[in-house]
Structure formats: C-alpha cells, structure tokens
Amino acid sequence: MELRDIEIFLTLAQELHFGRTAERLHITTSRVSQAIKKQERRIGAPLFDRTSRTVRLTPVGEQLYHRLSAGYLQIMDGIEEVKGTVNGVTGTLNVGTIGPHSLLMKDAFDLFHARHPGARLQHREVQPPSPLDLLRSGEVDVAHLWLPVREPDLTIGPLTHTSQVLLMVSASHPYARRDSVCLEDFGDCAVVQGKSIPAYMEEVFNPYRTPSGRLVARGPAVSTWQEALNVVASGQAVAGVTAEITEFYPWPSLVYLPIDDAEPVQWAYVWRSGHESPLIRAFAQAVTDSRQAGTHMSGS
C-alpha cells in the first residue's frame, strides 16, 4: 500500500466526505475513489459504507484506521525530523515563561539559535494564576512551568532547574521581622489564589492545609503576577514564590522569607502531547544540552 493511498484513506476516515477529502489533499474525487477501491480489493472487504447522503467507516475500516494512523504519524514525524537534520529546523516557536525565567534561560535560547539560525523564538509571559491557559489555547507551543503537571494531554519535557520556595509578605506583616517561617505558619495567614489553576499546582506554593491539618485561608483571587505582587505588598495576603524572583522584585514593600520545611520545586518545559513537532524536539534538546553543560542556570 503506497503512502499516498494511506494518506487518502486516513483523510477520508476523518472527513467522511469524498469532496472535502479531495479538496484537503488537492486531488480529484475520482482519485480518492480509486485509492479506496484499490485498498478494499487488497483488504478483501469494504472499508466504508457509502450511500448518496452519508459515508461511514465499516468495522473493518475502523480497525484499519486505528492500526494505520499511529504508524503514519510516526513515518511523517520521522521524515520531518530527518529533513530538519539536513536542512535545519525552521519556523517560529512560541515559548511561554513566568516572570524572570526568560532571562535565566538565555544560554539555552542562545544555543538553540546557534544550532537553528532559520528558527525564531517568540516569547510570551505565562501568568502564575493561570499557568496552563496559553498552552491550552495554543498561544504558546511550549511553557516553562513548575512541577508537578499531571494533565493527560500535556507532555513534560526537559527539567531546567530546582528552586527553593520562599514566603512573600508585606513589609508591615508580623512575619516580616522573622528570619524564616515554616509551613505551619501558613495557618495564620491568607494566601493569594489563582483563577484558573489546578489545585495540585497551586498548593506547591500556597498549601490548602498546614502539616497539622489546619485550613489555610484564601485571600483575593488574582489573574496576573503583577496583581499578586500588589495584593501582597498592600498586606491583603501572602504568597509562596520561587527564590529567583527576589533579585528581580526587590520592592521595599515586600519581604521574602525562607520556608524551613518546604520542599524544593522543580521546573520543566511542557507542551501539548498531540502537537509535538521537530521544532519542539530541537528546542528541548537545546535545553537539555545547555543544562548538562551547566551554563544556563546558576544553582541548578
């Protein structure tokens, strides 16, 4: 069975319309018909039930579709990967990062550009209160996020670094005079809350209960990182944050405190599983190689 005939069958199985299949593949409807009849003769059974009004897969057609679709994608990905190796990866990759992380990843970005001068990185800011939104909408191809990410439709790529978790409080907060806090201290505070964030991701920085089981109160809901900074600076709530931000947001109205018993948090690049591409794989390899070289993240 020729690769083009497989493509015609798979496209017709998706469109269930000979005209749309022909239009999508830039061929004639008679070419579609010929390819399907050829495959049916080879299989020895009808692949589609056709009437004047509908086209449907037969049970044999459904079985063939499931068998061929994964293999076809692997073949096409393999072709694109080899083409990328020969000709160089090209195109634009939309990369989402949180706050200062785009600056901290500069060496990885530089390595990617050096290897793939025909490719371009377009940077977008991911908002911590809604870390998955840009990925899910397709506005970014990869996003730099803290772990865990337990979404069945998302792939976790290369780890970049590990951060310590700090508590960000107002300079007027009673804790501001301390040298450090512990997780139990969250029980006497209200924490900022996100508007579109999985609970298991939110509790990495802002737990729902203390180690002894006390509920942690939720303060104002925020949509952006800037809103979170303002809410904390005004004394309305506190927030767990990653240690890197202290260098970039040294506001006199904010104090950052070590959390003695907080687990470090890992960071990684994440992308939609069904949209992995040679461009994404090339970027992930650059990130991996940069980290292994120990060049892009101090303290990782």
C-alpha atoms as a PDB file:
ATOM      1  CA  MET A   1       0.000   0.000   0.000  1.00  0.00           C
ATOM      2  CA  GLU A   2       1.539   3.310  -1.084  1.00  0.00           C
ATOM      3  CA  LEU A   3       1.982   6.110   1.425  1.00  0.00           C
ATOM      4  CA  ARG A   4      -0.276   8.407  -0.632  1.00  0.00           C
ATOM      5  CA  ASP A   5      -3.069   5.818  -0.586  1.00  0.00           C
ATOM      6  CA  ILE A   6      -2.716   5.535   3.194  1.00  0.00           C
ATOM      7  CA  GLU A   7      -2.989   9.318   3.464  1.00  0.00           C
ATOM      8  CA  ILE A   8      -6.134   9.289   1.319  1.00  0.00           C
ATOM      9  CA  PHE A   9      -7.734   6.572   3.437  1.00  0.00           C
ATOM     10  CA  LEU A  10      -6.906   8.308   6.731  1.00  0.00           C
ATOM     11  CA  THR A  11      -8.176  11.655   5.466  1.00  0.00           C
ATOM     12  CA  LEU A  12     -11.443  10.165   4.221  1.00  0.00           C
ATOM     13  CA  ALA A  13     -11.867   8.394   7.572  1.00  0.00           C
ATOM     14  CA  GLN A  14     -11.629  11.784   9.261  1.00  0.00           C
ATOM     15  CA  GLU A  15     -13.709  13.823   6.808  1.00  0.00           C
ATOM     16  CA  LEU A  16     -16.258  11.116   5.842  1.00  0.00           C
ATOM     17  CA  HIS A  17     -16.818  13.095   2.644  1.00  0.00           C
ATOM     18  CA  PHE A  18     -15.183  12.433  -0.738  1.00  0.00           C
ATOM     19  CA  GLY A  19     -15.336  16.055  -1.866  1.00  0.00           C
ATOM     20  CA  ARG A  20     -13.750  17.501   1.278  1.00  0.00           C
ATOM     21  CA  THR A  21     -11.083  14.786   1.225  1.00  0.00           C
ATOM     22  CA  ALA A  22     -10.182  15.651  -2.364  1.00  0.00           C
ATOM     23  CA  GLU A  23     -10.095  19.357  -1.566  1.00  0.00           C
ATOM     24  CA  ARG A  24      -7.944  18.847   1.510  1.00  0.00           C
ATOM     25  CA  LEU A  25      -5.422  16.720  -0.397  1.00  0.00           C
ATOM     26  CA  HIS A  26      -5.588  18.778  -3.628  1.00  0.00           C
ATOM     27  CA  ILE A  27      -6.626  15.813  -5.758  1.00  0.00           C
ATOM     28  CA  THR A  28      -9.769  14.806  -7.648  1.00  0.00           C
ATOM     29  CA  THR A  29     -12.669  12.881  -6.142  1.00  0.00           C
ATOM     30  CA  SER A  30     -12.086  10.133  -8.700  1.00  0.00           C
ATOM     31  CA  ARG A  31      -8.535   9.744  -7.362  1.00  0.00           C
ATOM     32  CA  VAL A  32      -9.988   9.329  -3.857  1.00  0.00           C
ATOM     33  CA  SER A  33     -12.441   6.695  -5.120  1.00  0.00           C
ATOM     34  CA  GLN A  34      -9.752   4.798  -6.997  1.00  0.00           C
ATOM     35  CA  ALA A  35      -7.460   4.703  -3.949  1.00  0.00           C
ATOM     36  CA  ILE A  36     -10.223   3.427  -1.639  1.00  0.00           C
ATOM     37  CA  LYS A  37     -11.353   0.756  -4.115  1.00  0.00           C
ATOM     38  CA  LYS A  38      -7.749  -0.366  -4.524  1.00  0.00           C
ATOM     39  CA  GLN A  39      -7.364  -0.718  -0.753  1.00  0.00           C
ATOM     40  CA  GLU A  40     -10.668  -2.558  -0.424  1.00  0.00           C
ATOM     41  CA  ARG A  41      -9.545  -5.072  -3.054  1.00  0.00           C
ATOM     42  CA  ARG A  42      -6.280  -5.523  -1.178  1.00  0.00           C
ATOM     43  CA  ILE A  43      -8.026  -5.991   2.209  1.00  0.00           C
ATOM     44  CA  GLY A  44     -10.831  -8.088   0.755  1.00  0.00           C
ATOM     45  CA  ALA A  45     -13.645  -6.211   2.482  1.00  0.00           C
ATOM     46  CA  PRO A  46     -15.397  -2.810   2.298  1.00  0.00           C
ATOM     47  CA  LEU A  47     -13.748  -0.065   4.316  1.00  0.00           C
ATOM     48  CA  PHE A  48     -16.633   2.418   4.040  1.00  0.00           C
ATOM     49  CA  ASP A  49     -20.400   2.214   3.881  1.00  0.00           C
ATOM     50  CA  ARG A  50     -21.404   4.686   1.168  1.00  0.00           C
ATOM     51  CA  THR A  51     -24.844   5.994   0.367  1.00  0.00           C
ATOM     52  CA  SER A  52     -25.942   9.022  -1.616  1.00  0.00           C
ATOM     53  CA  ARG A  53     -26.051  11.016   1.617  1.00  0.00           C
ATOM     54  CA  THR A  54     -23.514   9.564   4.049  1.00  0.00           C
ATOM     55  CA  VAL A  55     -20.103   7.929   4.256  1.00  0.00           C
ATOM     56  CA  ARG A  56     -19.275   5.795   7.302  1.00  0.00           C
ATOM     57  CA  LEU A  57     -16.409   3.538   8.287  1.00  0.00           C
ATOM     58  CA  THR A  58     -17.201  -0.167   8.427  1.00  0.00           C
ATOM     59  CA  PRO A  59     -15.878  -2.184  11.399  1.00  0.00           C
ATOM     60  CA  VAL A  60     -13.020  -3.333   9.167  1.00  0.00           C
ATOM     61  CA  GLY A  61     -12.385   0.289   8.175  1.00  0.00           C
ATOM     62  CA  GLU A  62     -12.295   1.388  11.822  1.00  0.00           C
ATOM     63  CA  GLN A  63      -9.816  -1.346  12.637  1.00  0.00           C
ATOM     64  CA  LEU A  64      -7.578  -0.337   9.741  1.00  0.00           C
ATOM     65  CA  TYR A  65      -7.820   3.343  10.690  1.00  0.00           C
ATOM     66  CA  HIS A  66      -6.643   2.700  14.252  1.00  0.00           C
ATOM     67  CA  ARG A  67      -3.817   0.490  13.011  1.00  0.00           C
ATOM     68  CA  LEU A  68      -2.557   2.880  10.344  1.00  0.00           C
ATOM     69  CA  SER A  69      -2.998   6.304  11.953  1.00  0.00           C
ATOM     70  CA  ALA A  70      -0.303   5.950  14.623  1.00  0.00           C
ATOM     71  CA  GLY A  71       2.154   4.424  12.168  1.00  0.00           C
ATOM     72  CA  TYR A  72       1.514   7.123   9.589  1.00  0.00           C
ATOM     73  CA  LEU A  73       2.209   9.861  12.143  1.00  0.00           C
ATOM     74  CA  GLN A  74       5.457   8.152  13.108  1.00  0.00           C
ATOM     75  CA  ILE A  75       6.517   7.928   9.483  1.00  0.00           C
ATOM     76  CA  MET A  76       5.740  11.587   8.802  1.00  0.00           C
ATOM     77  CA  ASP A  77       7.437  12.720  12.012  1.00  0.00           C
ATOM     78  CA  GLY A  78      10.486  10.687  11.051  1.00  0.00           C
ATOM     79  CA  ILE A  79      10.599  12.301   7.614  1.00  0.00           C
ATOM     80  CA  GLU A  80      10.279  15.794   9.120  1.00  0.00           C
ATOM     81  CA  GLU A  81      12.950  15.036  11.704  1.00  0.00           C
ATOM     82  CA  VAL A  82      15.434  13.924   9.048  1.00  0.00           C
ATOM     83  CA  LYS A  83      14.563  16.942   6.895  1.00  0.00           C
ATOM     84  CA  GLY A  84      15.251  19.131   9.918  1.00  0.00           C
ATOM     85  CA  THR A  85      18.624  17.464  10.393  1.00  0.00           C
ATOM     86  CA  VAL A  86      19.558  18.012   6.758  1.00  0.00           C
ATOM     87  CA  ASN A  87      18.057  21.432   6.130  1.00  0.00           C
ATOM     88  CA  GLY A  88      17.908  22.833   9.648  1.00  0.00           C
ATOM     89  CA  VAL A  89      14.786  23.385  11.706  1.00  0.00           C
ATOM     90  CA  THR A  90      12.819  26.426  10.643  1.00  0.00           C
ATOM     91  CA  GLY A  91       9.709  28.244  11.787  1.00  0.00           C
ATOM     92  CA  THR A  92       8.571  30.133  14.867  1.00  0.00           C
ATOM     93  CA  LEU A  93       8.294  28.519  18.290  1.00  0.00           C
ATOM     94  CA  ASN A  94       6.135  30.371  20.814  1.00  0.00           C
ATOM     95  CA  VAL A  95       7.708  29.969  24.250  1.00  0.00           C
ATOM     96  CA  GLY A  96       5.899  30.836  27.474  1.00  0.00           C
ATOM     97  CA  THR A  97       7.859  31.698  30.622  1.00  0.00           C
ATOM     98  CA  ILE A  98       6.990  33.106  34.029  1.00  0.00           C
ATOM     99  CA  GLY A  99       8.464  36.392  35.212  1.00  0.00           C
ATOM    100  CA  PRO A 100      12.268  36.475  35.084  1.00  0.00           C
ATOM    101  CA  HIS A 101      12.738  32.907  33.845  1.00  0.00           C
ATOM    102  CA  SER A 102      13.147  34.038  30.246  1.00  0.00           C
ATOM    103  CA  LEU A 103      16.268  35.953  31.335  1.00  0.00           C
ATOM    104  CA  LEU A 104      17.585  32.999  33.322  1.00  0.00           C
ATOM    105  CA  MET A 105      17.253  30.705  30.296  1.00  0.00           C
ATOM    106  CA  LYS A 106      19.262  32.935  27.957  1.00  0.00           C
ATOM    107  CA  ASP A 107      22.078  30.432  27.350  1.00  0.00           C
ATOM    108  CA  ALA A 108      19.615  27.718  26.321  1.00  0.00           C
ATOM    109  CA  PHE A 109      17.936  30.130  23.915  1.00  0.00           C
ATOM    110  CA  ASP A 110      21.318  31.174  22.500  1.00  0.00           C
ATOM    111  CA  LEU A 111      22.275  27.531  21.925  1.00  0.00           C
ATOM    112  CA  PHE A 112      19.017  26.888  20.085  1.00  0.00           C
ATOM    113  CA  HIS A 113      19.553  29.935  17.836  1.00  0.00           C
ATOM    114  CA  ALA A 114      23.149  28.901  17.105  1.00  0.00           C
ATOM    115  CA  ARG A 115      22.037  25.433  16.039  1.00  0.00           C
ATOM    116  CA  HIS A 116      18.959  26.558  14.111  1.00  0.00           C
ATOM    117  CA  PRO A 117      19.502  30.017  12.624  1.00  0.00           C
ATOM    118  CA  GLY A 118      16.399  29.584  10.465  1.00  0.00           C
ATOM    119  CA  ALA A 119      14.163  29.231  13.512  1.00  0.00           C
ATOM    120  CA  ARG A 120      12.742  32.001  15.673  1.00  0.00           C
ATOM    121  CA  LEU A 121      11.667  32.051  19.322  1.00  0.00           C
ATOM    122  CA  GLN A 122       8.664  34.227  20.159  1.00  0.00           C
ATOM    123  CA  HIS A 123       8.353  34.872  23.885  1.00  0.00           C
ATOM    124  CA  ARG A 124       5.097  35.176  25.822  1.00  0.00           C
ATOM    125  CA  GLU A 125       4.571  35.681  29.540  1.00  0.00           C
ATOM    126  CA  VAL A 126       2.762  32.912  31.403  1.00  0.00           C
ATOM    127  CA  GLN A 127       0.727  34.133  34.358  1.00  0.00           C
ATOM    128  CA  PRO A 128       1.196  32.010  37.517  1.00  0.00           C
ATOM    129  CA  PRO A 129      -2.514  32.283  38.491  1.00  0.00           C
ATOM    130  CA  SER A 130      -3.408  30.546  35.180  1.00  0.00           C
ATOM    131  CA  PRO A 131      -0.282  28.631  34.135  1.00  0.00           C
ATOM    132  CA  LEU A 132      -1.901  26.299  31.587  1.00  0.00           C
ATOM    133  CA  ASP A 133      -4.161  28.742  29.745  1.00  0.00           C
ATOM    134  CA  LEU A 134      -1.744  29.778  26.982  1.00  0.00           C
ATOM    135  CA  LEU A 135      -0.803  26.157  26.302  1.00  0.00           C
ATOM    136  CA  ARG A 136      -4.402  25.020  26.117  1.00  0.00           C
ATOM    137  CA  SER A 137      -5.368  27.882  23.795  1.00  0.00           C
ATOM    138  CA  GLY A 138      -2.430  27.194  21.504  1.00  0.00           C
ATOM    139  CA  GLU A 139      -0.965  30.669  22.031  1.00  0.00           C
ATOM    140  CA  VAL A 140       2.313  29.085  23.135  1.00  0.00           C
ATOM    141  CA  ASP A 141       3.885  25.867  21.864  1.00  0.00           C
ATOM    142  CA  VAL A 142       5.913  25.172  24.999  1.00  0.00           C
ATOM    143  CA  ALA A 143       5.635  26.615  28.502  1.00  0.00           C
ATOM    144  CA  HIS A 144       8.183  26.705  31.306  1.00  0.00           C
ATOM    145  CA  LEU A 145       6.277  25.537  34.388  1.00  0.00           C
ATOM    146  CA  TRP A 146       6.805  24.256  37.884  1.00  0.00           C
ATOM    147  CA  LEU A 147       6.075  20.615  38.622  1.00  0.00           C
ATOM    148  CA  PRO A 148       4.049  18.578  39.108  1.00  0.00           C
ATOM    149  CA  VAL A 149       1.969  18.857  35.940  1.00  0.00           C
ATOM    150  CA  ARG A 150      -0.452  15.943  35.867  1.00  0.00           C
ATOM    151  CA  GLU A 151      -2.514  16.682  32.765  1.00  0.00           C
ATOM    152  CA  PRO A 152      -3.125  13.712  30.426  1.00  0.00           C
ATOM    153  CA  ASP A 153      -2.886  15.862  27.293  1.00  0.00           C
ATOM    154  CA  LEU A 154       0.430  17.503  28.224  1.00  0.00           C
ATOM    155  CA  THR A 155       3.980  16.170  27.897  1.00  0.00           C
ATOM    156  CA  ILE A 156       6.671  17.051  30.421  1.00  0.00           C
ATOM    157  CA  GLY A 157       9.954  17.778  28.671  1.00  0.00           C
ATOM    158  CA  PRO A 158      13.445  18.501  29.991  1.00  0.00           C
ATOM    159  CA  LEU A 159      13.947  19.681  33.545  1.00  0.00           C
ATOM    160  CA  THR A 160      15.684  23.029  33.794  1.00  0.00           C
ATOM    161  CA  HIS A 161      16.410  23.661  37.464  1.00  0.00           C
ATOM    162  CA  THR A 162      15.244  23.361  41.059  1.00  0.00           C
ATOM    163  CA  SER A 163      14.117  26.336  43.156  1.00  0.00           C
ATOM    164  CA  GLN A 164      13.698  26.991  46.832  1.00  0.00           C
ATOM    165  CA  VAL A 165      10.247  28.183  47.919  1.00  0.00           C
ATOM    166  CA  LEU A 166      10.005  31.446  49.881  1.00  0.00           C
ATOM    167  CA  LEU A 167       7.113  33.227  51.531  1.00  0.00           C
ATOM    168  CA  MET A 168       6.470  36.719  50.170  1.00  0.00           C
ATOM    169  CA  VAL A 169       4.849  39.045  52.710  1.00  0.00           C
ATOM    170  CA  SER A 170       4.222  42.748  53.102  1.00  0.00           C
ATOM    171  CA  ALA A 171       6.930  44.721  54.895  1.00  0.00           C
ATOM    172  CA  SER A 172       4.282  45.546  57.503  1.00  0.00           C
ATOM    173  CA  HIS A 173       3.288  41.898  58.084  1.00  0.00           C
ATOM    174  CA  PRO A 174       4.120  40.439  61.544  1.00  0.00           C
ATOM    175  CA  TYR A 175       6.243  37.744  59.869  1.00  0.00           C
ATOM    176  CA  ALA A 176       8.411  40.381  58.154  1.00  0.00           C
ATOM    177  CA  ARG A 177      10.575  40.658  61.269  1.00  0.00           C
ATOM    178  CA  ARG A 178      11.373  36.938  61.286  1.00  0.00           C
ATOM    179  CA  ASP A 179      14.392  35.202  59.797  1.00  0.00           C
ATOM    180  CA  SER A 180      12.257  32.365  58.401  1.00  0.00           C
ATOM    181  CA  VAL A 181       8.875  30.624  58.684  1.00  0.00           C
ATOM    182  CA  CYS A 182       7.559  27.064  58.492  1.00  0.00           C
ATOM    183  CA  LEU A 183       4.589  25.540  56.690  1.00  0.00           C
ATOM    184  CA  GLU A 184       2.530  25.534  59.870  1.00  0.00           C
ATOM    185  CA  ASP A 185       2.725  29.343  59.862  1.00  0.00           C
ATOM    186  CA  PHE A 186       0.519  29.414  56.745  1.00  0.00           C
ATOM    187  CA  GLY A 187      -2.388  28.571  59.029  1.00  0.00           C
ATOM    188  CA  ASP A 188      -2.302  32.091  60.461  1.00  0.00           C
ATOM    189  CA  CYS A 189      -2.321  33.797  57.048  1.00  0.00           C
ATOM    190  CA  ALA A 190      -4.482  34.241  53.989  1.00  0.00           C
ATOM    191  CA  VAL A 191      -2.794  33.352  50.694  1.00  0.00           C
ATOM    192  CA  VAL A 192      -3.460  34.697  47.220  1.00  0.00           C
ATOM    193  CA  GLN A 193      -5.413  32.356  44.979  1.00  0.00           C
ATOM    194  CA  GLY A 194      -5.358  31.844  41.239  1.00  0.00           C
ATOM    195  CA  LYS A 195      -8.390  31.968  38.995  1.00  0.00           C
ATOM    196  CA  SER A 196      -7.514  29.137  36.603  1.00  0.00           C
ATOM    197  CA  ILE A 197      -5.003  26.749  38.115  1.00  0.00           C
ATOM    198  CA  PRO A 198      -5.143  23.063  39.111  1.00  0.00           C
ATOM    199  CA  ALA A 199      -5.275  22.704  42.876  1.00  0.00           C
ATOM    200  CA  TYR A 200      -2.269  20.376  42.917  1.00  0.00           C
ATOM    201  CA  MET A 201      -0.169  23.067  41.217  1.00  0.00           C
ATOM    202  CA  GLU A 202      -1.415  25.874  43.439  1.00  0.00           C
ATOM    203  CA  GLU A 203      -0.623  24.030  46.648  1.00  0.00           C
ATOM    204  CA  VAL A 204       3.058  23.740  45.693  1.00  0.00           C
ATOM    205  CA  PHE A 205       3.395  27.404  46.691  1.00  0.00           C
ATOM    206  CA  ASN A 206       0.191  28.059  48.635  1.00  0.00           C
ATOM    207  CA  PRO A 207      -0.967  24.950  50.524  1.00  0.00           C
ATOM    208  CA  TYR A 208      -4.585  24.286  51.406  1.00  0.00           C
ATOM    209  CA  ARG A 209      -3.754  22.806  54.800  1.00  0.00           C
ATOM    210  CA  THR A 210      -0.868  23.041  57.217  1.00  0.00           C
ATOM    211  CA  PRO A 211       1.072  19.920  58.298  1.00  0.00           C
ATOM    212  CA  SER A 212      -1.169  19.686  61.389  1.00  0.00           C
ATOM    213  CA  GLY A 213      -4.326  19.825  59.233  1.00  0.00           C
ATOM    214  CA  ARG A 214      -5.403  23.440  59.760  1.00  0.00           C
ATOM    215  CA  LEU A 215      -7.112  25.064  56.792  1.00  0.00           C
ATOM    216  CA  VAL A 216      -5.175  27.844  55.081  1.00  0.00           C
ATOM    217  CA  ALA A 217      -7.434  30.797  54.293  1.00  0.00           C
ATOM    218  CA  ARG A 218      -7.670  32.046  50.725  1.00  0.00           C
ATOM    219  CA  GLY A 219      -7.307  35.770  50.083  1.00  0.00           C
ATOM    220  CA  PRO A 220      -8.082  37.756  46.943  1.00  0.00           C
ATOM    221  CA  ALA A 221      -8.138  35.901  43.612  1.00  0.00           C
ATOM    222  CA  VAL A 222      -5.631  37.306  41.122  1.00  0.00           C
ATOM    223  CA  SER A 223      -5.259  36.959  37.368  1.00  0.00           C
ATOM    224  CA  THR A 224      -1.685  38.155  36.855  1.00  0.00           C
ATOM    225  CA  TRP A 225       1.661  38.158  38.605  1.00  0.00           C
ATOM    226  CA  GLN A 226       1.506  41.940  38.912  1.00  0.00           C
ATOM    227  CA  GLU A 227      -1.816  41.668  40.738  1.00  0.00           C
ATOM    228  CA  ALA A 228      -0.287  39.120  43.124  1.00  0.00           C
ATOM    229  CA  LEU A 229       2.593  41.483  43.901  1.00  0.00           C
ATOM    230  CA  ASN A 230       0.207  44.339  44.612  1.00  0.00           C
ATOM    231  CA  VAL A 231      -2.094  42.231  46.803  1.00  0.00           C
ATOM    232  CA  VAL A 232       0.839  41.057  48.919  1.00  0.00           C
ATOM    233  CA  ALA A 233       2.512  44.481  49.076  1.00  0.00           C
ATOM    234  CA  SER A 234      -0.749  46.008  50.328  1.00  0.00           C
ATOM    235  CA  GLY A 235      -0.966  43.443  53.129  1.00  0.00           C
ATOM    236  CA  GLN A 236      -4.135  41.702  51.894  1.00  0.00           C
ATOM    237  CA  ALA A 237      -2.474  38.269  51.655  1.00  0.00           C
ATOM    238  CA  VAL A 238       0.834  36.411  51.484  1.00  0.00           C
ATOM    239  CA  ALA A 239       2.159  34.153  48.726  1.00  0.00           C
ATOM    240  CA  GLY A 240       4.631  31.345  48.263  1.00  0.00           C
ATOM    241  CA  VAL A 241       7.089  32.218  45.494  1.00  0.00           C
ATOM    242  CA  THR A 242      10.182  30.864  43.801  1.00  0.00           C
ATOM    243  CA  ALA A 243      13.523  32.119  45.088  1.00  0.00           C
ATOM    244  CA  GLU A 244      14.650  33.559  41.734  1.00  0.00           C
ATOM    245  CA  ILE A 245      12.202  36.452  41.865  1.00  0.00           C
ATOM    246  CA  THR A 246      13.887  38.146  44.830  1.00  0.00           C
ATOM    247  CA  GLU A 247      16.596  39.512  42.542  1.00  0.00           C
ATOM    248  CA  PHE A 248      14.069  40.961  40.113  1.00  0.00           C
ATOM    249  CA  TYR A 249      11.429  42.313  42.514  1.00  0.00           C
ATOM    250  CA  PRO A 250      13.318  43.870  45.443  1.00  0.00           C
ATOM    251  CA  TRP A 251      10.417  46.118  46.378  1.00  0.00           C
ATOM    252  CA  PRO A 252      10.831  47.956  49.714  1.00  0.00           C
ATOM    253  CA  SER A 253       7.219  46.999  50.493  1.00  0.00           C
ATOM    254  CA  LEU A 254       7.963  43.246  50.169  1.00  0.00           C
ATOM    255  CA  VAL A 255       9.907  40.796  52.323  1.00  0.00           C
ATOM    256  CA  TYR A 256      10.958  37.284  51.266  1.00  0.00           C
ATOM    257  CA  LEU A 257      11.315  34.634  53.973  1.00  0.00           C
ATOM    258  CA  PRO A 258      12.792  31.122  53.694  1.00  0.00           C
ATOM    259  CA  ILE A 259      10.283  28.350  54.471  1.00  0.00           C
ATOM    260  CA  ASP A 260      12.340  25.929  56.525  1.00  0.00           C
ATOM    261  CA  ASP A 261      10.354  22.761  55.782  1.00  0.00           C
ATOM    262  CA  ALA A 262       9.171  23.477  52.235  1.00  0.00           C
ATOM    263  CA  GLU A 263      10.239  21.013  49.555  1.00  0.00           C
ATOM    264  CA  PRO A 264      12.221  22.441  46.634  1.00  0.00           C
ATOM    265  CA  VAL A 265      10.264  22.775  43.401  1.00  0.00           C
ATOM    266  CA  GLN A 266      11.384  21.516  40.003  1.00  0.00           C
ATOM    267  CA  TRP A 267      10.824  23.325  36.701  1.00  0.00           C
ATOM    268  CA  ALA A 268      10.452  21.899  33.212  1.00  0.00           C
ATOM    269  CA  TYR A 269       9.240  22.687  29.723  1.00  0.00           C
ATOM    270  CA  VAL A 270       5.779  21.341  28.920  1.00  0.00           C
ATOM    271  CA  TRP A 271       3.875  21.041  25.637  1.00  0.00           C
ATOM    272  CA  ARG A 272       0.654  19.594  24.233  1.00  0.00           C
ATOM    273  CA  SER A 273       1.221  15.910  23.522  1.00  0.00           C
ATOM    274  CA  GLY A 274      -0.670  15.940  20.245  1.00  0.00           C
ATOM    275  CA  HIS A 275       1.304  18.907  18.889  1.00  0.00           C
ATOM    276  CA  GLU A 276       4.892  17.774  19.374  1.00  0.00           C
ATOM    277  CA  SER A 277       6.962  18.793  16.353  1.00  0.00           C
ATOM    278  CA  PRO A 278      10.569  18.721  15.122  1.00  0.00           C
ATOM    279  CA  LEU A 279      10.822  22.354  16.237  1.00  0.00           C
ATOM    280  CA  ILE A 280       9.770  21.459  19.785  1.00  0.00           C
ATOM    281  CA  ARG A 281      12.124  18.472  19.865  1.00  0.00           C
ATOM    282  CA  ALA A 282      15.020  20.632  18.673  1.00  0.00           C
ATOM    283  CA  PHE A 283      14.259  23.189  21.370  1.00  0.00           C
ATOM    284  CA  ALA A 284      14.014  20.505  24.072  1.00  0.00           C
ATOM    285  CA  GLN A 285      17.379  19.096  23.000  1.00  0.00           C
ATOM    286  CA  ALA A 286      18.971  22.526  23.236  1.00  0.00           C
ATOM    287  CA  VAL A 287      17.573  22.971  26.744  1.00  0.00           C
ATOM    288  CA  THR A 288      18.845  19.540  27.786  1.00  0.00           C
ATOM    289  CA  ASP A 289      22.315  20.090  26.342  1.00  0.00           C
ATOM    290  CA  SER A 290      22.575  23.551  27.853  1.00  0.00           C
ATOM    291  CA  ARG A 291      21.663  22.250  31.306  1.00  0.00           C
ATOM    292  CA  GLN A 292      24.106  19.370  31.037  1.00  0.00           C
ATOM    293  CA  ALA A 293      26.824  21.843  30.147  1.00  0.00           C
ATOM    294  CA  GLY A 294      25.951  23.690  33.345  1.00  0.00           C
ATOM    295  CA  THR A 295      25.760  27.021  31.573  1.00  0.00           C
ATOM    296  CA  HIS A 296      22.207  28.310  31.799  1.00  0.00           C
ATOM    297  CA  MET A 297      21.064  28.191  35.383  1.00  0.00           C
ATOM    298  CA  SER A 298      23.236  29.065  38.332  1.00  0.00           C
ATOM    299  CA  GLY A 299      22.410  26.982  41.365  1.00  0.00           C
ATOM    300  CA  SER A 300      20.618  24.277  39.337  1.00  0.00           C
END
